[in-house]
Protein backbone atom coordinates (compact mmCIF):
# COMPACT_ATOMS: atom_id res chain seq x y z
CA MET A 1 -19.64 -48.60 28.73
CA ALA A 2 -19.82 -50.25 25.31
CA TYR A 3 -22.23 -53.11 24.80
CA ALA A 4 -23.23 -55.24 21.80
CA GLU A 5 -26.67 -56.07 20.42
CA LYS A 6 -27.72 -58.73 17.92
CA ARG A 7 -29.28 -57.25 14.76
CA GLY A 8 -30.36 -59.96 12.32
CA LYS A 9 -27.24 -61.82 11.20
CA SER A 10 -24.83 -59.13 12.40
CA TRP A 11 -23.98 -57.29 15.61
CA ARG A 12 -24.30 -53.65 16.57
CA VAL A 13 -22.23 -51.91 19.25
CA ARG A 14 -23.40 -48.98 21.37
CA TYR A 15 -20.63 -46.78 22.80
CA GLN A 16 -20.45 -43.60 24.85
CA LEU A 17 -19.52 -40.25 23.30
CA PRO A 18 -17.57 -37.42 25.00
CA ASP A 19 -20.86 -35.66 25.91
CA GLY A 20 -22.21 -38.76 27.65
CA LYS A 21 -24.65 -39.69 24.90
CA TYR A 22 -24.49 -42.99 23.05
CA ASP A 23 -23.85 -43.65 19.37
CA SER A 24 -23.80 -46.93 17.48
CA GLU A 25 -22.02 -48.78 14.70
CA SER A 26 -23.44 -51.84 12.94
CA ARG A 27 -22.61 -54.80 10.67
CA PHE A 28 -20.00 -56.58 12.77
CA GLU A 29 -19.77 -60.32 12.16
CA THR A 30 -19.26 -61.29 15.82
CA LYS A 31 -20.15 -59.90 19.21
CA GLN A 32 -16.47 -59.67 20.16
CA ASP A 33 -15.63 -57.65 17.05
CA ALA A 34 -18.40 -55.21 17.93
CA LEU A 35 -17.25 -54.88 21.55
CA ASP A 36 -13.60 -54.45 20.59
CA TRP A 37 -14.50 -51.65 18.21
CA GLY A 38 -16.77 -49.88 20.69
CA ARG A 39 -14.26 -50.13 23.55
CA ALA A 40 -11.55 -48.70 21.27
CA GLN A 41 -13.76 -45.63 20.62
CA GLU A 42 -14.31 -45.14 24.36
CA THR A 43 -10.57 -45.42 24.96
CA ASP A 44 -10.03 -42.66 22.40
CA VAL A 45 -12.64 -40.58 24.23
CA LYS A 46 -10.69 -40.91 27.48
CA ARG A 47 -7.42 -40.04 25.70
CA LYS A 48 -9.16 -37.02 24.08
CA VAL A 49 -8.27 -38.18 20.56
CA PHE A 50 -11.73 -39.44 19.64
CA VAL A 51 -12.98 -38.84 16.08
CA ASN A 52 -16.68 -39.58 15.73
CA PRO A 53 -17.17 -41.86 12.70
CA SER A 54 -20.55 -40.23 12.03
CA ASP A 55 -18.79 -36.88 11.46
CA GLY A 56 -16.97 -38.45 8.52
CA ARG A 57 -20.36 -38.85 6.84
CA LYS A 58 -20.61 -35.09 6.45
CA LEU A 59 -20.60 -34.20 2.76
CA PHE A 60 -17.43 -32.54 1.54
CA GLY A 61 -19.46 -29.68 0.04
CA ASP A 62 -21.07 -28.98 3.43
CA TRP A 63 -17.63 -28.95 5.05
CA VAL A 64 -16.40 -26.44 2.46
CA ASP A 65 -19.37 -24.18 3.23
CA ASP A 66 -18.48 -24.26 6.94
CA TRP A 67 -14.79 -23.72 6.19
CA ARG A 68 -15.46 -20.66 4.04
CA GLU A 69 -17.32 -19.03 6.94
CA VAL A 70 -14.36 -19.16 9.32
CA VAL A 71 -11.19 -19.18 7.18
CA GLU A 72 -9.09 -16.07 7.76
CA VAL A 73 -7.23 -15.09 4.58
CA GLY A 74 -6.84 -11.97 2.48
CA GLU A 75 -9.44 -10.95 -0.08
CA MET A 76 -7.33 -12.07 -3.04
CA SER A 77 -6.61 -15.47 -1.47
CA LEU A 78 -10.29 -16.02 -0.73
CA GLN A 79 -11.20 -15.14 -4.32
CA THR A 80 -8.52 -17.50 -5.65
CA TYR A 81 -9.65 -20.32 -3.34
CA SER A 82 -13.28 -19.87 -4.41
CA SER A 83 -12.32 -20.03 -8.08
CA ARG A 84 -10.38 -23.28 -7.63
CA LEU A 85 -13.08 -24.82 -5.46
CA ASN A 86 -15.90 -24.02 -7.86
CA ALA A 87 -14.00 -24.95 -11.02
CA VAL A 88 -12.19 -28.13 -10.02
CA ILE A 89 -12.58 -29.45 -6.47
CA LEU A 90 -16.31 -29.26 -5.73
CA PRO A 91 -17.50 -30.76 -9.04
CA LYS A 92 -15.66 -33.94 -8.04
CA TRP A 93 -16.07 -34.11 -4.25
CA ARG A 94 -19.13 -32.00 -3.34
CA ASP A 95 -21.48 -34.95 -2.67
CA THR A 96 -18.85 -37.31 -1.24
CA PRO A 97 -18.83 -37.94 2.53
CA ILE A 98 -15.54 -36.54 3.74
CA GLY A 99 -14.70 -39.81 5.46
CA ASP A 100 -15.02 -41.66 2.14
CA ILE A 101 -12.14 -39.79 0.51
CA THR A 102 -9.32 -42.32 0.38
CA SER A 103 -5.74 -42.18 -0.75
CA MET A 104 -6.54 -44.28 -3.81
CA SER A 105 -9.58 -42.21 -4.86
CA TYR A 106 -7.54 -39.04 -4.44
CA LYS A 107 -4.65 -40.41 -6.55
CA ALA A 108 -7.06 -41.39 -9.36
CA TRP A 109 -8.53 -37.88 -9.36
CA ARG A 110 -5.09 -36.28 -9.35
CA ALA A 111 -4.03 -38.36 -12.34
CA LYS A 112 -6.91 -36.84 -14.32
CA LEU A 113 -5.92 -33.32 -13.23
CA VAL A 114 -2.35 -33.85 -14.43
CA GLY A 115 -3.72 -34.71 -17.87
CA GLN A 116 -5.93 -31.60 -17.98
CA TYR A 117 -3.97 -28.76 -16.40
CA LYS A 118 -0.47 -27.34 -16.13
CA LYS A 119 1.73 -28.43 -13.24
CA ASN A 120 1.59 -25.14 -11.33
CA TYR A 121 -2.21 -25.18 -11.35
CA VAL A 122 -2.35 -28.82 -10.24
CA ASP A 123 0.07 -28.00 -7.41
CA ALA A 124 -2.18 -25.12 -6.36
CA ILE A 125 -5.26 -27.36 -6.36
CA GLU A 126 -3.39 -29.94 -4.27
CA GLY A 127 -2.30 -27.28 -1.80
CA LEU A 128 -5.87 -26.11 -1.28
CA MET A 129 -7.20 -29.67 -0.98
CA ARG A 130 -4.52 -30.48 1.60
CA MET A 131 -5.46 -27.39 3.59
CA LEU A 132 -9.14 -28.37 3.61
CA LEU A 133 -8.44 -31.93 4.74
CA ASP A 134 -5.87 -30.85 7.35
CA ASP A 135 -8.46 -28.50 8.82
CA ALA A 136 -10.98 -31.37 8.78
CA VAL A 137 -8.53 -33.42 10.84
CA ASP A 138 -8.16 -30.52 13.30
CA GLU A 139 -11.94 -30.40 13.62
CA LYS A 140 -11.96 -34.18 14.25
CA LEU A 141 -14.15 -34.89 11.24
CA ILE A 142 -11.63 -37.45 10.01
CA PRO A 143 -8.76 -39.17 11.87
CA PHE A 144 -6.06 -38.35 9.30
CA ASN A 145 -5.51 -36.65 5.95
CA PRO A 146 -5.88 -39.29 3.21
CA MET A 147 -3.67 -37.35 0.77
CA PRO A 148 -0.22 -38.91 0.32
CA ALA A 149 2.50 -37.06 2.22
CA GLY A 150 4.48 -34.74 -0.03
CA SER A 151 7.79 -35.97 1.28
CA LYS A 152 6.98 -39.66 0.84
CA ARG A 153 9.35 -41.47 -1.50
CA LYS A 154 7.85 -42.03 -4.94
CA ARG A 155 7.75 -45.40 -6.67
CA GLY A 156 8.28 -46.23 -10.31
CA ARG A 157 10.77 -45.36 -12.98
CA HIS A 158 12.77 -42.19 -12.71
CA VAL A 159 11.50 -39.55 -15.12
CA PRO A 160 14.32 -37.22 -16.20
CA VAL A 161 13.58 -33.52 -15.79
CA ASP A 162 15.00 -30.79 -17.97
CA ALA A 163 17.18 -28.78 -15.62
CA GLY A 164 17.26 -25.75 -17.96
CA ASP A 165 15.75 -22.44 -16.85
CA GLU A 166 12.87 -21.86 -19.25
CA TYR A 167 11.47 -18.72 -17.61
CA VAL A 168 11.77 -15.80 -20.01
CA TRP A 169 13.09 -12.48 -18.71
CA PRO A 170 14.57 -9.52 -20.60
CA THR A 171 17.98 -7.91 -20.69
CA PRO A 172 18.00 -4.09 -20.27
CA ARG A 173 18.22 -3.68 -24.05
CA GLN A 174 15.27 -6.02 -24.64
CA ALA A 175 13.25 -4.15 -22.00
CA ARG A 176 13.97 -0.86 -23.81
CA LEU A 177 12.91 -2.29 -27.17
CA LEU A 178 9.72 -3.65 -25.60
CA ALA A 179 9.01 -0.22 -24.09
CA GLU A 180 9.53 1.45 -27.47
CA ASN A 181 7.02 -0.91 -29.05
CA ALA A 182 4.61 -0.13 -26.20
CA ARG A 183 4.94 3.59 -26.91
CA ALA A 184 4.26 3.05 -30.62
CA LEU A 185 1.13 1.09 -29.71
CA ARG A 186 -0.35 3.25 -26.97
CA GLY A 187 1.76 6.28 -26.21
CA ASP A 188 4.16 7.59 -23.58
CA GLN A 189 2.27 6.22 -20.55
CA TRP A 190 2.75 2.64 -21.72
CA TYR A 191 6.41 3.27 -22.50
CA ALA A 192 6.83 4.52 -18.93
CA MET A 193 4.83 1.60 -17.50
CA VAL A 194 7.04 -1.07 -19.08
CA LEU A 195 10.20 0.67 -17.90
CA THR A 196 8.75 1.21 -14.41
CA VAL A 197 8.14 -2.52 -14.00
CA ALA A 198 11.54 -3.39 -15.45
CA TYR A 199 13.49 -0.93 -13.26
CA THR A 200 11.52 -1.27 -10.00
CA GLY A 201 10.41 -4.93 -10.06
CA LEU A 202 6.83 -4.01 -9.17
CA ARG A 203 4.18 -6.70 -9.40
CA MET A 204 1.49 -5.96 -12.00
CA GLY A 205 -1.08 -5.46 -9.25
CA GLU A 206 1.23 -2.89 -7.65
CA VAL A 207 1.53 -1.11 -11.02
CA ALA A 208 -2.26 -1.03 -11.41
CA GLY A 209 -2.59 0.29 -7.85
CA LEU A 210 0.17 2.93 -8.01
CA ARG A 211 -1.32 6.26 -6.97
CA ARG A 212 0.00 9.68 -7.91
CA ASP A 213 0.51 10.53 -4.24
CA GLN A 214 2.88 7.56 -3.93
CA VAL A 215 5.41 9.07 -6.36
CA GLN A 216 7.86 11.40 -4.59
CA LEU A 217 9.56 13.90 -6.92
CA LEU A 218 12.29 15.89 -5.16
CA ALA A 219 14.58 18.10 -7.25
CA LEU A 220 17.68 15.98 -6.62
CA GLU A 221 19.56 13.57 -8.88
CA TYR A 222 18.50 10.60 -6.75
CA GLY A 223 15.65 12.37 -4.98
CA LYS A 224 12.81 10.68 -6.84
CA ALA A 225 11.18 7.57 -5.37
CA LEU A 226 7.92 5.69 -5.29
CA ARG A 227 6.14 4.12 -2.35
CA VAL A 228 4.54 0.68 -2.74
CA GLN A 229 1.41 1.10 -0.63
CA TRP A 230 -1.33 -0.69 -2.55
CA GLN A 231 -2.04 -3.32 -5.17
CA GLY A 232 -4.99 -2.92 -7.51
CA GLN A 233 -7.15 -6.00 -7.99
CA TRP A 234 -10.52 -6.76 -9.56
CA LEU A 235 -12.60 -8.57 -6.94
CA THR A 236 -15.74 -10.64 -7.38
CA GLN A 237 -16.22 -10.68 -3.60
CA PRO A 238 -16.20 -7.38 -1.67
CA ALA A 239 -13.26 -6.53 0.59
CA LYS A 240 -13.67 -4.86 4.00
CA HIS A 241 -12.71 -1.39 5.19
CA THR A 242 -12.55 -0.03 8.75
CA VAL A 243 -13.57 3.61 8.90
CA ASN A 244 -10.92 6.03 10.15
CA LYS A 245 -11.47 9.48 11.65
CA GLY A 246 -12.77 12.03 9.15
CA GLU A 247 -13.50 9.52 6.37
CA THR A 248 -16.59 9.78 4.20
CA LEU A 249 -18.07 7.50 1.57
CA GLU A 250 -16.47 9.69 -1.09
CA SER A 251 -13.01 9.66 0.49
CA ILE A 252 -13.13 5.89 1.02
CA ALA A 253 -14.23 5.37 -2.59
CA ALA A 254 -11.32 7.54 -3.75
CA LEU A 255 -8.87 5.70 -1.46
CA ARG A 256 -9.95 2.10 -2.03
CA HIS A 257 -11.62 2.22 -5.46
CA ALA A 258 -9.55 5.08 -6.97
CA ASP A 259 -12.83 6.74 -7.96
CA PRO A 260 -14.83 9.05 -5.64
CA GLU A 261 -17.92 8.58 -7.82
CA ARG A 262 -18.10 4.97 -6.64
CA ALA A 263 -19.35 6.29 -3.31
CA VAL A 264 -22.81 5.48 -4.70
CA ASP A 265 -21.81 1.80 -5.09
CA LEU A 266 -20.27 1.86 -1.61
CA ALA A 267 -23.47 3.20 -0.07
CA LYS A 268 -25.55 0.61 -1.90
CA ALA A 269 -23.30 -2.26 -0.79
CA ASN A 270 -23.85 -1.25 2.85
CA GLU A 271 -27.53 -0.23 2.56
CA LEU A 272 -26.67 3.37 3.44
CA GLU A 273 -28.02 6.64 2.14
CA PRO A 274 -25.66 8.64 -0.13
CA GLY A 275 -23.73 11.08 2.06
CA ALA A 276 -24.44 9.08 5.23
CA LYS A 277 -22.20 9.94 8.18
CA LEU A 278 -19.77 7.23 9.25
CA ARG A 279 -18.41 6.43 12.68
CA VAL A 280 -14.81 5.61 13.53
CA GLY A 281 -14.27 1.84 13.62
CA GLN A 282 -17.34 1.09 11.51
CA LYS A 283 -16.88 -1.94 9.24
CA LEU A 284 -17.84 -1.35 5.62
CA ALA A 285 -18.11 -3.80 2.76
CA LEU A 286 -16.41 -2.28 -0.24
CA ALA A 287 -18.08 -2.48 -3.64
CA LYS A 288 -17.11 -5.29 -6.00
CA GLY A 289 -14.77 -4.56 -8.89
CA PHE A 290 -11.49 -2.64 -8.82
CA THR A 291 -10.19 -2.34 -5.27
CA LEU A 292 -6.93 -1.19 -3.74
CA LEU A 293 -5.61 -3.77 -1.26
CA PRO A 294 -2.42 -3.93 0.83
CA PRO A 295 0.49 -5.25 -1.26
CA LYS A 296 1.21 -8.99 -1.30
CA TYR A 297 2.74 -10.22 1.98
CA SER A 298 2.24 -6.64 3.31
CA SER A 299 5.42 -5.77 1.41
CA TYR A 300 5.23 -1.99 1.86
CA ARG A 301 8.45 -0.38 0.62
CA THR A 302 9.95 2.80 -0.78
CA LEU A 303 12.13 2.48 -3.90
CA ILE A 304 14.71 5.05 -4.96
CA LEU A 305 14.40 5.53 -8.72
CA PRO A 306 17.25 5.82 -11.21
CA PRO A 307 17.24 9.42 -12.52
CA PHE A 308 16.03 8.56 -16.03
CA LEU A 309 12.94 6.83 -14.63
CA GLY A 310 12.26 9.59 -12.09
CA ASP A 311 12.35 12.18 -14.88
CA LEU A 312 10.12 10.01 -17.06
CA LEU A 313 7.49 9.70 -14.31
CA SER A 314 7.68 13.45 -13.63
CA GLU A 315 6.82 14.15 -17.27
CA LEU A 316 4.09 11.51 -17.25
CA LEU A 317 2.35 12.89 -14.16
CA ALA A 318 2.46 16.41 -15.61
CA ALA A 319 0.64 15.16 -18.72
CA ASN A 320 -1.57 12.46 -17.19
CA SER A 321 -5.19 13.52 -16.72
CA HIS A 322 -6.20 10.84 -14.19
CA ASP A 323 -6.63 12.39 -10.74
CA ILE A 324 -5.55 9.34 -8.72
CA LEU A 325 -3.78 6.60 -10.68
CA VAL A 326 -0.39 6.79 -12.40
CA PHE A 327 -1.16 4.06 -14.94
CA PRO A 328 -4.87 4.02 -15.87
CA SER A 329 -6.24 2.16 -18.88
CA GLN A 330 -6.62 3.83 -22.27
CA ARG A 331 -10.16 4.82 -21.31
CA GLY A 332 -9.05 6.39 -18.04
CA LYS A 333 -10.31 3.51 -15.91
CA PRO A 334 -8.24 1.28 -13.59
CA LEU A 335 -5.85 -1.03 -15.44
CA ARG A 336 -6.99 -4.60 -15.97
CA VAL A 337 -4.55 -7.28 -17.13
CA ASP A 338 -7.02 -9.46 -19.02
CA ASP A 339 -7.37 -11.07 -22.46
CA GLN A 340 -7.80 -7.66 -24.09
CA PHE A 341 -4.58 -6.43 -22.45
CA TYR A 342 -2.68 -9.39 -23.89
CA GLY A 343 -4.34 -9.41 -27.30
CA ARG A 344 -4.21 -5.69 -28.06
CA PHE A 345 -1.10 -4.63 -26.19
CA TRP A 346 1.24 -7.21 -24.74
CA HIS A 347 1.47 -9.72 -27.58
CA PRO A 348 1.90 -7.10 -30.33
CA ALA A 349 4.55 -5.34 -28.23
CA ILE A 350 6.46 -8.61 -27.81
CA LEU A 351 5.83 -10.36 -31.12
CA GLY A 352 5.58 -7.33 -33.38
CA GLN A 353 2.82 -6.65 -35.91
CA ASP A 354 2.20 -5.69 -39.53
CA ALA A 355 0.97 -2.21 -40.39
CA GLU A 356 -2.82 -1.90 -40.45
CA PRO A 357 -4.94 0.93 -41.88
CA SER A 358 -7.66 2.63 -39.88
CA ARG A 359 -10.99 0.77 -40.06
CA ARG A 360 -14.32 0.68 -38.24
CA GLY A 361 -13.32 3.44 -35.90
CA ARG A 362 -10.05 1.77 -34.92
CA ARG A 363 -6.99 3.89 -35.54
CA ALA A 364 -4.23 2.83 -37.91
CA GLN A 365 -1.50 0.58 -36.50
CA ALA A 366 2.16 1.08 -37.36
CA ALA A 367 4.35 -1.90 -38.19
CA LEU A 368 6.36 -3.08 -35.17
CA PRO A 369 9.42 -5.34 -35.05
CA ALA A 370 9.38 -8.36 -32.75
CA VAL A 371 11.63 -8.19 -29.71
CA LYS A 372 13.97 -11.09 -30.39
CA GLY A 373 14.18 -13.66 -27.59
CA LEU A 374 11.02 -12.60 -25.68
CA ALA A 375 8.34 -14.53 -27.59
CA ASP A 376 7.06 -16.41 -24.53
CA MET A 377 7.59 -13.72 -21.89
CA VAL A 378 4.68 -12.72 -19.65
CA PRO A 379 4.51 -9.32 -17.88
CA HIS A 380 5.87 -10.91 -14.68
CA GLY A 381 9.04 -11.65 -16.65
CA LEU A 382 9.98 -7.98 -16.29
CA ARG A 383 10.04 -8.45 -12.52
CA HIS A 384 12.21 -11.56 -12.92
CA GLY A 385 14.57 -9.57 -15.13
CA HIS A 386 14.86 -6.85 -12.50
CA LYS A 387 15.97 -9.41 -9.90
CA VAL A 388 18.49 -10.93 -12.32
CA TRP A 389 19.98 -7.52 -13.10
CA LEU A 390 20.42 -6.68 -9.41
CA ASP A 391 22.00 -10.06 -8.66
CA GLY A 392 24.34 -9.64 -11.62
CA GLN A 393 25.45 -6.24 -10.35
CA GLY A 394 26.43 -7.80 -7.02
CA HIS A 395 24.19 -5.83 -4.65
CA PRO A 396 23.73 -7.11 -1.06
CA ARG A 397 21.09 -9.81 -0.92
CA VAL A 398 19.12 -8.12 1.87
CA ALA A 399 18.75 -4.94 -0.21
CA VAL A 400 17.73 -6.87 -3.32
CA GLU A 401 15.10 -8.93 -1.50
CA GLU A 402 13.68 -5.88 0.26
CA ARG A 403 13.36 -4.07 -3.07
CA MET A 404 11.51 -7.09 -4.47
CA GLY A 405 9.12 -7.09 -1.51
CA HIS A 406 10.50 -10.30 0.03
CA LYS A 407 11.56 -11.05 3.59
CA LEU A 408 14.74 -12.98 4.28
CA GLN A 409 14.25 -15.92 6.63
CA GLY A 410 16.31 -17.13 9.59
CA VAL A 411 19.33 -15.42 11.10
CA GLU A 412 20.07 -13.48 7.93
CA GLY A 413 16.58 -11.98 7.94
CA THR A 414 16.87 -11.03 11.61
CA TYR A 415 20.31 -9.38 11.57
CA SER A 416 20.67 -8.06 8.00
CA HIS A 417 19.39 -4.57 7.24
CA THR A 418 19.28 -2.32 4.19
CA SER A 419 21.23 0.93 4.50
CA PRO A 420 20.64 4.13 2.48
CA GLU A 421 23.99 3.50 0.78
CA MET A 422 22.74 0.10 -0.42
CA GLU A 423 19.57 1.63 -1.84
CA LEU A 424 21.53 4.36 -3.62
CA GLY A 425 23.92 1.73 -4.96
CA ILE A 426 21.00 -0.12 -6.53
CA ALA A 427 19.62 3.07 -8.12
CA ARG A 428 23.06 3.94 -9.53
CA GLY A 429 23.48 0.41 -10.91
CA LEU A 430 20.09 0.60 -12.63
CA GLN A 431 20.94 3.98 -14.14
CA LYS A 432 24.12 2.50 -15.62
CA ALA A 433 22.14 -0.45 -17.00
CA TRP A 434 19.75 1.98 -18.70
CA GLU A 435 22.55 4.07 -20.21
CA LYS A 436 24.28 0.95 -21.50
CA SER A 437 21.03 -0.28 -23.08
CA LEU A 438 20.92 2.90 -25.17
CA THR A 439 24.29 2.21 -26.78
CA ASP A 440 24.23 -1.58 -27.09
CA GLU A 441 23.86 -2.46 -30.76
CA VAL A 442 24.12 -6.20 -30.09
CA ASP A 443 22.59 -7.81 -27.03
CA GLN A 444 25.35 -10.27 -26.14
CA THR A 445 23.48 -11.58 -23.11
CA ALA A 446 20.42 -12.40 -25.21
CA GLU A 447 22.55 -14.12 -27.84
CA TRP A 448 24.31 -16.21 -25.20
CA ARG A 449 20.96 -17.29 -23.71
CA GLU A 450 19.68 -18.23 -27.17
CA ARG A 451 22.75 -20.38 -27.89
CA ARG A 452 22.49 -21.99 -24.43
CA SER A 453 18.88 -23.03 -24.99
CA SER A 454 19.46 -24.43 -28.51
């Protein structure tokens, strides 16, 4: 039972915790204030909603360390969370007691973020911060999340928002011109890669992780397809692998790192001898670096290819020297979409370039025309374009979303299914779009979009 004690000019209350032990809180002005507070805590204990005020003194950085140990997310999510924590969140809140984070202090911090970063990044930081504080509430470290509710009505003057769609995506003709520039820069593989993304809607990670054994090449007009089984990602934290029957370090390195020679790195990461025998069910830490992971949202899918693309990939695989990957880098290593990719490939392919002579071991560069209307497009814009083309052709929504690797929600997602006829219809529509792009001298769609945005 709570009781109060005089401490100098103030009062301290002692109150009973759920485990029967006593804790205390000080600096009350009167004895009654101290007793009221202590009795309220004991009432919360009986109602099983008690949050120990001393837990709120735990430093936010210590809470993050605990949270990282138990959070269950995919390898890419964990890497993304760690990057945002280390770069933005922890520098501000690491040494702050979690109970001292208030709505006002959070709003002041957010205002600084808005001035430093783009909206999407700020939204991502907010989402992670909300997750951390919600989990702290669940652990009874704090009684409530101090972040303002997202649905709460905002105050102040209305700020008009431009309702225009500023995301840049290509028409089929623009995609073809981009692919032709890519071929001039780096050869047939890069021509095929641009068209593969544009006519399948693959994510760039899925392109980097596309294995030769995932491309099915039957001798039929619409008998060629590819299976989305993996995404290739560069990890700074090792992923996990559960050993299956018959697997060796070499086979796992070939499967998950696309390089059997990385069996040495795999053995080192697990303190094993090279060639060590593995047991079924054994948990291995994969080596850091390029790793094949399940596709985003586990969106495994098989995509029927339009004939032109199937033939193009057949020719590419016949000429490609990489034993595992369809689209390796120029040096035969796994593809990495980094600053070098943008500076030496993507931007010149989009923006064009002047002719350059050979110098310092770098081969000569041919002059390339800019692809009009795509100046600000990122590689993901090809995926957006693919979705727009399919919607414009009027294909069933369930088939379009499945091809994109999305899952419809609600009743429609439960009762709608993609038939073989729907898949063939999409492949036929894409073939027609390709054939039309070869004969279009003027891209009317691109011109209309340019007039609409001006």
